N, C-alpha and C. Protein backbone atom coordinates (compact mmCIF):
# COMPACT_ATOMS: atom_id res chain seq x y z
N MET A 1 -24.85 -38.11 -30.50
CA MET A 1 -24.18 -36.84 -30.27
C MET A 1 -24.27 -36.49 -28.78
N GLN A 2 -23.19 -36.00 -28.27
CA GLN A 2 -23.11 -35.67 -26.86
C GLN A 2 -23.66 -34.27 -26.61
N GLU A 3 -24.44 -34.12 -25.56
CA GLU A 3 -24.94 -32.80 -25.21
C GLU A 3 -24.03 -32.19 -24.16
N LYS A 4 -23.77 -30.93 -24.33
CA LYS A 4 -22.94 -30.21 -23.36
C LYS A 4 -23.85 -29.50 -22.38
N ASP A 5 -23.37 -29.40 -21.16
CA ASP A 5 -24.05 -28.55 -20.19
C ASP A 5 -23.60 -27.13 -20.47
N PHE A 6 -24.56 -26.28 -20.79
CA PHE A 6 -24.23 -24.89 -21.10
C PHE A 6 -24.21 -24.08 -19.82
N VAL A 7 -23.13 -23.38 -19.59
CA VAL A 7 -22.97 -22.56 -18.39
C VAL A 7 -22.78 -21.12 -18.83
N THR A 8 -23.58 -20.23 -18.26
CA THR A 8 -23.38 -18.81 -18.54
C THR A 8 -22.54 -18.22 -17.42
N TYR A 9 -21.66 -17.34 -17.80
CA TYR A 9 -20.74 -16.75 -16.83
C TYR A 9 -20.96 -15.25 -16.75
N GLU A 10 -20.63 -14.71 -15.61
CA GLU A 10 -20.51 -13.26 -15.49
C GLU A 10 -19.01 -12.97 -15.42
N TYR A 11 -18.63 -11.85 -15.98
CA TYR A 11 -17.21 -11.51 -16.09
C TYR A 11 -16.92 -10.24 -15.32
N LYS A 12 -15.68 -10.14 -14.89
CA LYS A 12 -15.27 -8.98 -14.10
C LYS A 12 -13.78 -8.77 -14.32
N THR A 13 -13.36 -7.52 -14.40
CA THR A 13 -11.96 -7.17 -14.49
C THR A 13 -11.63 -6.27 -13.31
N VAL A 14 -10.58 -6.62 -12.61
CA VAL A 14 -10.22 -5.90 -11.38
C VAL A 14 -8.78 -5.40 -11.51
N SER A 15 -8.56 -4.15 -11.11
CA SER A 15 -7.23 -3.57 -11.10
C SER A 15 -6.67 -3.64 -9.68
N ILE A 16 -5.46 -4.19 -9.56
CA ILE A 16 -4.84 -4.36 -8.25
C ILE A 16 -3.36 -3.97 -8.33
N ASP A 17 -2.75 -3.80 -7.17
CA ASP A 17 -1.30 -3.62 -7.11
C ASP A 17 -0.64 -4.98 -7.31
N ALA A 18 0.47 -4.99 -8.00
CA ALA A 18 1.15 -6.25 -8.27
C ALA A 18 1.58 -6.95 -6.98
N LYS A 19 1.91 -6.17 -5.95
CA LYS A 19 2.34 -6.78 -4.69
C LYS A 19 1.20 -7.48 -3.96
N ASP A 20 -0.05 -7.12 -4.30
CA ASP A 20 -1.22 -7.72 -3.66
C ASP A 20 -1.85 -8.82 -4.50
N ARG A 21 -1.12 -9.31 -5.48
CA ARG A 21 -1.68 -10.28 -6.43
C ARG A 21 -2.19 -11.55 -5.73
N ALA A 22 -1.38 -12.14 -4.88
CA ALA A 22 -1.78 -13.39 -4.23
C ALA A 22 -2.99 -13.19 -3.33
N LYS A 23 -3.00 -12.09 -2.58
CA LYS A 23 -4.14 -11.82 -1.69
C LYS A 23 -5.42 -11.61 -2.50
N ALA A 24 -5.31 -10.87 -3.61
CA ALA A 24 -6.49 -10.61 -4.43
C ALA A 24 -7.00 -11.89 -5.08
N MET A 25 -6.09 -12.74 -5.51
CA MET A 25 -6.51 -14.01 -6.12
C MET A 25 -7.24 -14.87 -5.09
N ASP A 26 -6.73 -14.93 -3.87
CA ASP A 26 -7.41 -15.67 -2.81
C ASP A 26 -8.78 -15.08 -2.53
N LEU A 27 -8.85 -13.75 -2.49
CA LEU A 27 -10.10 -13.07 -2.19
C LEU A 27 -11.16 -13.45 -3.20
N TYR A 28 -10.87 -13.31 -4.48
CA TYR A 28 -11.89 -13.56 -5.49
C TYR A 28 -12.22 -15.04 -5.65
N GLU A 29 -11.25 -15.91 -5.46
CA GLU A 29 -11.53 -17.34 -5.53
C GLU A 29 -12.44 -17.79 -4.38
N ALA A 30 -12.33 -17.12 -3.23
CA ALA A 30 -13.17 -17.46 -2.09
C ALA A 30 -14.64 -17.13 -2.35
N PHE A 31 -14.91 -16.28 -3.33
CA PHE A 31 -16.29 -15.91 -3.64
C PHE A 31 -16.76 -16.49 -4.98
N GLY A 32 -16.08 -17.54 -5.43
CA GLY A 32 -16.53 -18.26 -6.60
C GLY A 32 -15.98 -17.79 -7.93
N TRP A 33 -15.10 -16.82 -7.93
CA TRP A 33 -14.54 -16.32 -9.18
C TRP A 33 -13.40 -17.22 -9.62
N GLU A 34 -13.30 -17.40 -10.91
CA GLU A 34 -12.21 -18.15 -11.51
C GLU A 34 -11.33 -17.15 -12.26
N ILE A 35 -10.05 -17.21 -12.05
CA ILE A 35 -9.13 -16.26 -12.70
C ILE A 35 -8.85 -16.78 -14.11
N THR A 36 -9.20 -15.96 -15.10
CA THR A 36 -9.01 -16.37 -16.49
C THR A 36 -7.76 -15.75 -17.10
N GLY A 37 -7.23 -14.72 -16.48
CA GLY A 37 -6.02 -14.12 -17.01
C GLY A 37 -5.53 -12.98 -16.14
N THR A 38 -4.25 -12.70 -16.27
CA THR A 38 -3.64 -11.56 -15.58
C THR A 38 -2.79 -10.80 -16.60
N THR A 39 -2.86 -9.48 -16.52
CA THR A 39 -2.03 -8.65 -17.39
C THR A 39 -1.44 -7.52 -16.56
N ALA A 40 -0.23 -7.16 -16.88
CA ALA A 40 0.43 -6.05 -16.19
C ALA A 40 -0.13 -4.74 -16.73
N SER A 41 -0.27 -3.79 -15.85
CA SER A 41 -0.71 -2.45 -16.26
C SER A 41 0.32 -1.44 -15.77
N ALA A 42 0.05 -0.18 -16.01
CA ALA A 42 1.02 0.87 -15.71
C ALA A 42 1.27 1.02 -14.21
N ALA A 43 2.44 1.50 -13.88
CA ALA A 43 2.83 1.88 -12.53
C ALA A 43 2.72 0.74 -11.52
N GLY A 44 3.20 -0.44 -11.88
CA GLY A 44 3.23 -1.55 -10.94
C GLY A 44 1.88 -2.16 -10.65
N GLY A 45 0.91 -1.88 -11.48
CA GLY A 45 -0.42 -2.44 -11.28
C GLY A 45 -0.61 -3.72 -12.07
N MET A 46 -1.79 -4.30 -11.90
CA MET A 46 -2.09 -5.55 -12.57
C MET A 46 -3.60 -5.64 -12.76
N MET A 47 -4.00 -6.24 -13.85
CA MET A 47 -5.42 -6.45 -14.13
C MET A 47 -5.72 -7.95 -14.02
N LEU A 48 -6.72 -8.29 -13.22
CA LEU A 48 -7.17 -9.67 -13.11
C LEU A 48 -8.46 -9.80 -13.90
N SER A 49 -8.53 -10.78 -14.76
CA SER A 49 -9.76 -11.09 -15.49
C SER A 49 -10.40 -12.28 -14.79
N LEU A 50 -11.67 -12.13 -14.42
CA LEU A 50 -12.36 -13.14 -13.62
C LEU A 50 -13.66 -13.57 -14.28
N ARG A 51 -14.11 -14.77 -13.97
CA ARG A 51 -15.43 -15.22 -14.40
C ARG A 51 -16.02 -16.11 -13.31
N ARG A 52 -17.36 -16.12 -13.29
CA ARG A 52 -18.08 -16.91 -12.28
C ARG A 52 -19.41 -17.34 -12.87
N ASP A 53 -19.88 -18.50 -12.48
CA ASP A 53 -21.17 -19.01 -12.93
C ASP A 53 -22.27 -18.03 -12.54
N ARG A 54 -23.09 -17.65 -13.52
CA ARG A 54 -24.19 -16.71 -13.25
C ARG A 54 -25.24 -17.28 -12.31
N LYS A 55 -25.40 -18.56 -12.34
CA LYS A 55 -26.45 -19.20 -11.54
C LYS A 55 -25.91 -19.66 -10.19
N GLN A 56 -24.96 -18.94 -9.69
CA GLN A 56 -24.35 -19.24 -8.40
C GLN A 56 -25.42 -19.14 -7.31
N ARG A 57 -25.47 -20.13 -6.45
CA ARG A 57 -26.39 -20.05 -5.32
C ARG A 57 -25.83 -19.05 -4.30
N HIS A 58 -26.69 -18.43 -3.55
CA HIS A 58 -26.30 -17.46 -2.51
C HIS A 58 -25.55 -16.27 -3.13
N LYS A 59 -25.91 -15.92 -4.35
CA LYS A 59 -25.18 -14.88 -5.09
C LYS A 59 -25.22 -13.53 -4.37
N GLN A 60 -26.37 -13.15 -3.86
CA GLN A 60 -26.48 -11.86 -3.17
C GLN A 60 -25.60 -11.81 -1.93
N GLU A 61 -25.62 -12.87 -1.17
CA GLU A 61 -24.79 -12.92 0.04
C GLU A 61 -23.31 -12.94 -0.32
N LEU A 62 -22.96 -13.68 -1.38
CA LEU A 62 -21.56 -13.69 -1.83
C LEU A 62 -21.12 -12.30 -2.28
N ASP A 63 -21.98 -11.60 -3.01
CA ASP A 63 -21.65 -10.24 -3.46
C ASP A 63 -21.46 -9.29 -2.28
N ARG A 64 -22.34 -9.42 -1.28
CA ARG A 64 -22.23 -8.57 -0.09
C ARG A 64 -20.93 -8.85 0.66
N LEU A 65 -20.62 -10.11 0.86
CA LEU A 65 -19.38 -10.47 1.53
C LEU A 65 -18.16 -10.05 0.71
N GLU A 66 -18.26 -10.16 -0.61
CA GLU A 66 -17.16 -9.75 -1.49
C GLU A 66 -16.88 -8.26 -1.36
N ARG A 67 -17.94 -7.45 -1.35
CA ARG A 67 -17.75 -6.00 -1.18
C ARG A 67 -17.10 -5.69 0.17
N GLN A 68 -17.55 -6.37 1.22
CA GLN A 68 -16.94 -6.16 2.54
C GLN A 68 -15.46 -6.55 2.51
N ALA A 69 -15.16 -7.65 1.86
CA ALA A 69 -13.77 -8.12 1.79
C ALA A 69 -12.91 -7.13 1.00
N GLU A 70 -13.44 -6.59 -0.10
CA GLU A 70 -12.69 -5.60 -0.88
C GLU A 70 -12.43 -4.34 -0.06
N GLU A 71 -13.45 -3.89 0.68
CA GLU A 71 -13.27 -2.72 1.54
C GLU A 71 -12.24 -3.00 2.64
N THR A 72 -12.28 -4.19 3.19
CA THR A 72 -11.33 -4.56 4.24
C THR A 72 -9.92 -4.61 3.68
N MET A 73 -9.78 -5.11 2.46
CA MET A 73 -8.45 -5.17 1.82
C MET A 73 -7.93 -3.75 1.55
N GLU A 74 -8.82 -2.85 1.13
CA GLU A 74 -8.42 -1.46 0.93
C GLU A 74 -8.01 -0.81 2.25
N THR A 75 -8.71 -1.14 3.32
CA THR A 75 -8.36 -0.62 4.64
C THR A 75 -6.97 -1.08 5.04
N ILE A 76 -6.68 -2.35 4.79
CA ILE A 76 -5.35 -2.88 5.11
C ILE A 76 -4.28 -2.13 4.31
N GLY A 77 -4.55 -1.89 3.02
CA GLY A 77 -3.60 -1.14 2.19
C GLY A 77 -3.39 0.28 2.72
N GLY A 78 -4.47 0.93 3.14
CA GLY A 78 -4.35 2.27 3.72
C GLY A 78 -3.55 2.27 5.01
N LEU A 79 -3.77 1.26 5.83
CA LEU A 79 -3.01 1.16 7.08
C LEU A 79 -1.53 0.91 6.80
N GLN A 80 -1.24 0.08 5.79
CA GLN A 80 0.16 -0.16 5.42
C GLN A 80 0.83 1.14 4.98
N LYS A 81 0.11 1.93 4.18
CA LYS A 81 0.68 3.19 3.70
C LYS A 81 0.82 4.20 4.84
N SER A 82 -0.07 4.14 5.83
CA SER A 82 -0.01 5.11 6.93
C SER A 82 1.23 4.93 7.79
N LYS A 83 1.87 3.76 7.70
CA LYS A 83 3.09 3.53 8.49
C LYS A 83 4.20 4.50 8.08
N THR A 84 4.25 4.88 6.81
CA THR A 84 5.34 5.73 6.34
C THR A 84 4.89 7.14 5.92
N ARG A 85 3.59 7.36 5.79
CA ARG A 85 3.11 8.65 5.27
C ARG A 85 3.55 9.84 6.12
N GLY A 86 3.28 9.82 7.40
CA GLY A 86 3.63 10.94 8.27
C GLY A 86 5.13 11.14 8.36
N ALA A 87 5.86 10.04 8.46
CA ALA A 87 7.32 10.13 8.53
C ALA A 87 7.89 10.69 7.23
N SER A 88 7.30 10.35 6.10
CA SER A 88 7.78 10.87 4.81
C SER A 88 7.56 12.38 4.72
N VAL A 89 6.40 12.83 5.14
CA VAL A 89 6.12 14.27 5.12
C VAL A 89 7.13 15.01 5.99
N PHE A 90 7.34 14.48 7.20
CA PHE A 90 8.33 15.11 8.08
C PHE A 90 9.71 15.11 7.44
N ALA A 91 10.11 13.98 6.85
CA ALA A 91 11.45 13.87 6.26
C ALA A 91 11.63 14.86 5.11
N TYR A 92 10.59 15.03 4.29
CA TYR A 92 10.69 16.00 3.18
C TYR A 92 10.86 17.42 3.71
N ILE A 93 10.08 17.79 4.69
CA ILE A 93 10.16 19.15 5.24
C ILE A 93 11.48 19.37 5.96
N PHE A 94 11.85 18.42 6.81
CA PHE A 94 13.10 18.54 7.56
C PHE A 94 14.30 18.53 6.62
N GLY A 95 14.26 17.67 5.60
CA GLY A 95 15.35 17.61 4.63
C GLY A 95 15.47 18.90 3.83
N SER A 96 14.33 19.50 3.48
CA SER A 96 14.37 20.78 2.77
C SER A 96 14.98 21.87 3.64
N ALA A 97 14.58 21.88 4.92
CA ALA A 97 15.15 22.87 5.84
C ALA A 97 16.66 22.64 6.01
N ALA A 98 17.09 21.39 6.11
CA ALA A 98 18.51 21.08 6.24
C ALA A 98 19.28 21.51 4.99
N ALA A 99 18.67 21.30 3.82
CA ALA A 99 19.33 21.73 2.58
C ALA A 99 19.43 23.25 2.52
N LEU A 100 18.43 23.95 3.05
CA LEU A 100 18.49 25.42 3.09
C LEU A 100 19.60 25.89 4.03
N VAL A 101 19.77 25.21 5.15
CA VAL A 101 20.86 25.56 6.07
C VAL A 101 22.21 25.34 5.38
N LEU A 102 22.36 24.22 4.70
CA LEU A 102 23.58 23.92 3.95
C LEU A 102 23.82 24.98 2.88
N GLY A 103 22.77 25.32 2.15
CA GLY A 103 22.89 26.35 1.11
C GLY A 103 23.21 27.71 1.70
N GLY A 104 22.64 28.01 2.87
CA GLY A 104 22.96 29.27 3.53
C GLY A 104 24.43 29.36 3.90
N GLY A 105 24.99 28.25 4.35
CA GLY A 105 26.42 28.22 4.66
C GLY A 105 27.27 28.44 3.43
N MET A 106 26.85 27.85 2.31
CA MET A 106 27.60 28.05 1.06
C MET A 106 27.53 29.50 0.62
N CYS A 107 26.33 30.06 0.72
CA CYS A 107 26.17 31.46 0.32
C CYS A 107 27.02 32.39 1.19
N LEU A 108 26.98 32.16 2.49
CA LEU A 108 27.75 33.00 3.40
C LEU A 108 29.24 32.91 3.08
N THR A 109 29.72 31.74 2.77
CA THR A 109 31.12 31.54 2.44
C THR A 109 31.49 32.20 1.12
N MET A 110 30.65 32.09 0.12
CA MET A 110 31.00 32.54 -1.22
C MET A 110 30.69 34.01 -1.49
N LEU A 111 29.68 34.54 -0.84
CA LEU A 111 29.26 35.90 -1.18
C LEU A 111 30.04 36.98 -0.44
N ILE A 112 30.44 36.69 0.78
CA ILE A 112 31.19 37.69 1.54
C ILE A 112 32.67 37.34 1.42
N GLU A 113 33.34 38.04 0.55
CA GLU A 113 34.75 37.74 0.28
C GLU A 113 35.65 38.44 1.29
N ASN A 114 36.82 37.88 1.47
CA ASN A 114 37.87 38.45 2.32
C ASN A 114 37.41 38.68 3.76
N SER A 115 36.54 37.80 4.25
CA SER A 115 36.08 37.92 5.63
C SER A 115 36.24 36.56 6.29
N ILE A 116 37.19 36.48 7.21
CA ILE A 116 37.45 35.23 7.91
C ILE A 116 36.26 34.82 8.76
N PRO A 117 35.60 35.73 9.50
CA PRO A 117 34.44 35.31 10.29
C PRO A 117 33.29 34.76 9.41
N ALA A 118 33.08 35.36 8.22
CA ALA A 118 32.04 34.86 7.34
C ALA A 118 32.40 33.48 6.80
N LEU A 119 33.68 33.28 6.52
CA LEU A 119 34.15 31.98 6.04
C LEU A 119 33.94 30.90 7.11
N ILE A 120 34.35 31.21 8.33
CA ILE A 120 34.21 30.24 9.43
C ILE A 120 32.72 29.98 9.72
N GLY A 121 31.92 31.05 9.74
CA GLY A 121 30.47 30.90 9.96
C GLY A 121 29.81 30.10 8.84
N GLY A 122 30.22 30.36 7.60
CA GLY A 122 29.66 29.61 6.47
C GLY A 122 30.02 28.14 6.53
N ILE A 123 31.27 27.84 6.89
CA ILE A 123 31.69 26.44 7.02
C ILE A 123 30.91 25.76 8.14
N ALA A 124 30.75 26.45 9.28
CA ALA A 124 30.01 25.87 10.41
C ALA A 124 28.55 25.63 10.02
N LEU A 125 27.96 26.60 9.30
CA LEU A 125 26.58 26.45 8.86
C LEU A 125 26.45 25.30 7.86
N GLY A 126 27.41 25.18 6.97
CA GLY A 126 27.40 24.08 5.99
C GLY A 126 27.52 22.73 6.67
N ILE A 127 28.40 22.62 7.65
CA ILE A 127 28.55 21.36 8.39
C ILE A 127 27.27 21.04 9.15
N ALA A 128 26.67 22.07 9.75
CA ALA A 128 25.40 21.85 10.45
C ALA A 128 24.33 21.35 9.48
N GLY A 129 24.27 21.91 8.27
CA GLY A 129 23.32 21.46 7.25
C GLY A 129 23.55 20.02 6.85
N LEU A 130 24.83 19.65 6.68
CA LEU A 130 25.16 18.27 6.34
C LEU A 130 24.77 17.30 7.45
N VAL A 131 25.03 17.71 8.69
CA VAL A 131 24.67 16.86 9.84
C VAL A 131 23.15 16.69 9.89
N LEU A 132 22.41 17.79 9.69
CA LEU A 132 20.95 17.70 9.70
C LEU A 132 20.45 16.79 8.57
N CYS A 133 21.06 16.86 7.40
CA CYS A 133 20.68 15.97 6.29
C CYS A 133 20.93 14.51 6.67
N GLY A 134 22.04 14.24 7.33
CA GLY A 134 22.35 12.87 7.74
C GLY A 134 21.44 12.36 8.85
N VAL A 135 21.09 13.23 9.78
CA VAL A 135 20.23 12.85 10.90
C VAL A 135 18.79 12.59 10.42
N ASN A 136 18.43 13.20 9.32
CA ASN A 136 17.06 13.09 8.80
C ASN A 136 16.65 11.62 8.62
N TYR A 137 17.53 10.80 8.09
CA TYR A 137 17.20 9.38 7.87
C TYR A 137 16.90 8.67 9.19
N PHE A 138 17.70 8.95 10.21
CA PHE A 138 17.51 8.26 11.48
C PHE A 138 16.20 8.70 12.15
N ILE A 139 15.86 9.96 12.01
CA ILE A 139 14.57 10.44 12.53
C ILE A 139 13.43 9.77 11.77
N TYR A 140 13.56 9.69 10.45
CA TYR A 140 12.55 9.03 9.63
C TYR A 140 12.37 7.58 10.07
N SER A 141 13.47 6.86 10.24
CA SER A 141 13.39 5.46 10.65
C SER A 141 12.71 5.31 12.01
N LYS A 142 13.03 6.20 12.92
CA LYS A 142 12.43 6.15 14.26
C LYS A 142 10.92 6.41 14.19
N LEU A 143 10.51 7.39 13.38
CA LEU A 143 9.08 7.69 13.23
C LEU A 143 8.33 6.52 12.58
N VAL A 144 8.93 5.89 11.58
CA VAL A 144 8.29 4.75 10.92
C VAL A 144 8.16 3.59 11.91
N SER A 145 9.21 3.34 12.69
CA SER A 145 9.18 2.28 13.68
C SER A 145 8.08 2.50 14.72
N LYS A 146 7.97 3.74 15.17
CA LYS A 146 6.95 4.08 16.17
C LYS A 146 5.55 3.88 15.61
N LYS A 147 5.33 4.36 14.39
CA LYS A 147 4.01 4.24 13.76
C LYS A 147 3.69 2.78 13.45
N THR A 148 4.69 2.00 13.06
CA THR A 148 4.48 0.59 12.76
C THR A 148 4.02 -0.16 14.00
N LYS A 149 4.66 0.12 15.14
CA LYS A 149 4.26 -0.51 16.40
C LYS A 149 2.83 -0.13 16.76
N GLU A 150 2.44 1.08 16.43
CA GLU A 150 1.11 1.57 16.74
C GLU A 150 0.04 0.94 15.82
N VAL A 151 0.36 0.76 14.55
CA VAL A 151 -0.61 0.33 13.55
C VAL A 151 -0.66 -1.19 13.39
N LEU A 152 0.40 -1.88 13.73
CA LEU A 152 0.49 -3.32 13.51
C LEU A 152 -0.65 -4.12 14.15
N PRO A 153 -1.05 -3.85 15.40
CA PRO A 153 -2.18 -4.60 15.96
C PRO A 153 -3.48 -4.36 15.19
N ILE A 154 -3.67 -3.15 14.70
CA ILE A 154 -4.88 -2.84 13.93
C ILE A 154 -4.86 -3.59 12.60
N ILE A 155 -3.69 -3.66 11.97
CA ILE A 155 -3.56 -4.40 10.71
C ILE A 155 -3.85 -5.88 10.95
N ASP A 156 -3.33 -6.42 12.05
CA ASP A 156 -3.57 -7.83 12.36
C ASP A 156 -5.05 -8.11 12.57
N GLN A 157 -5.74 -7.22 13.28
CA GLN A 157 -7.18 -7.39 13.50
C GLN A 157 -7.94 -7.32 12.18
N THR A 158 -7.55 -6.39 11.33
CA THR A 158 -8.23 -6.22 10.05
C THR A 158 -7.97 -7.42 9.14
N GLU A 159 -6.76 -7.95 9.15
CA GLU A 159 -6.47 -9.15 8.36
C GLU A 159 -7.25 -10.35 8.89
N GLU A 160 -7.45 -10.42 10.18
CA GLU A 160 -8.26 -11.49 10.76
C GLU A 160 -9.71 -11.36 10.30
N LYS A 161 -10.21 -10.14 10.26
CA LYS A 161 -11.57 -9.88 9.77
C LYS A 161 -11.69 -10.30 8.31
N LEU A 162 -10.67 -9.99 7.50
CA LEU A 162 -10.67 -10.38 6.09
C LEU A 162 -10.68 -11.91 5.97
N ALA A 163 -9.89 -12.58 6.76
CA ALA A 163 -9.85 -14.05 6.72
C ALA A 163 -11.22 -14.64 7.07
N ASP A 164 -11.90 -14.04 8.05
CA ASP A 164 -13.24 -14.52 8.41
C ASP A 164 -14.22 -14.34 7.26
N LEU A 165 -14.13 -13.19 6.57
CA LEU A 165 -15.01 -12.95 5.43
C LEU A 165 -14.76 -13.96 4.31
N LEU A 166 -13.48 -14.26 4.06
CA LEU A 166 -13.14 -15.23 3.03
C LEU A 166 -13.65 -16.63 3.40
N GLU A 167 -13.54 -16.98 4.68
CA GLU A 167 -14.04 -18.28 5.12
C GLU A 167 -15.55 -18.36 4.98
N LYS A 168 -16.27 -17.27 5.29
CA LYS A 168 -17.72 -17.26 5.12
C LYS A 168 -18.09 -17.42 3.65
N GLY A 169 -17.40 -16.70 2.78
CA GLY A 169 -17.68 -16.81 1.35
C GLY A 169 -17.41 -18.21 0.84
N ASN A 170 -16.29 -18.76 1.22
CA ASN A 170 -15.95 -20.11 0.80
C ASN A 170 -16.94 -21.12 1.39
N GLY A 171 -17.39 -20.87 2.59
CA GLY A 171 -18.40 -21.75 3.21
C GLY A 171 -19.70 -21.74 2.44
N LEU A 172 -20.11 -20.56 1.95
CA LEU A 172 -21.33 -20.49 1.14
C LEU A 172 -21.17 -21.26 -0.16
N LEU A 173 -20.00 -21.24 -0.74
CA LEU A 173 -19.76 -22.00 -1.96
C LEU A 173 -19.83 -23.49 -1.68
N ARG A 174 -19.32 -23.91 -0.55
CA ARG A 174 -19.28 -25.33 -0.21
C ARG A 174 -20.68 -25.87 0.10
N THR A 175 -21.58 -25.03 0.62
CA THR A 175 -22.91 -25.51 0.98
C THR A 175 -23.68 -25.98 -0.25
N GLU A 176 -23.42 -25.42 -1.39
CA GLU A 176 -24.15 -25.85 -2.58
C GLU A 176 -23.61 -27.15 -3.14
N ILE A 177 -22.35 -27.45 -2.87
CA ILE A 177 -21.76 -28.67 -3.40
C ILE A 177 -22.28 -29.88 -2.63
N ILE A 178 -22.42 -29.75 -1.34
CA ILE A 178 -22.83 -30.87 -0.48
C ILE A 178 -24.30 -31.16 -0.64
């Protein structure tokens, strides 16, 4: 009868964004985790099911590096979101104000009857509101472009730091094989 080598595993389930699936898989594989399954979750998310040998050498160091890598990945996600956050807030406020100007023009036109100056003023105000609504997109694009240029070098540095952490983790795994 053949004897099997019995291996005990530790298990972990991680929730990630679907767009970060490949990065997350690389991250956990670099620290000795094996992906046993993936399932879709609500709102564009994904659950990764992982397992790793419990008797992993350098386990404490791998866990420490893994936590640093997870924090670094979260930092990258926050930096990616920061590219559009400020511009979005501005666009919402500016767009609301533009819609109010447009609505004011409509009100002026419709509420004051039989008045040519009110009609002309309402039309002018409505056109100004429409122009402001149209300009809003271009301002938003310009703000996003400016913020992207500002944040991109920081994202690159942080991704380089993440790559170094993954290489260290993978290096620790390789030292036990040799």
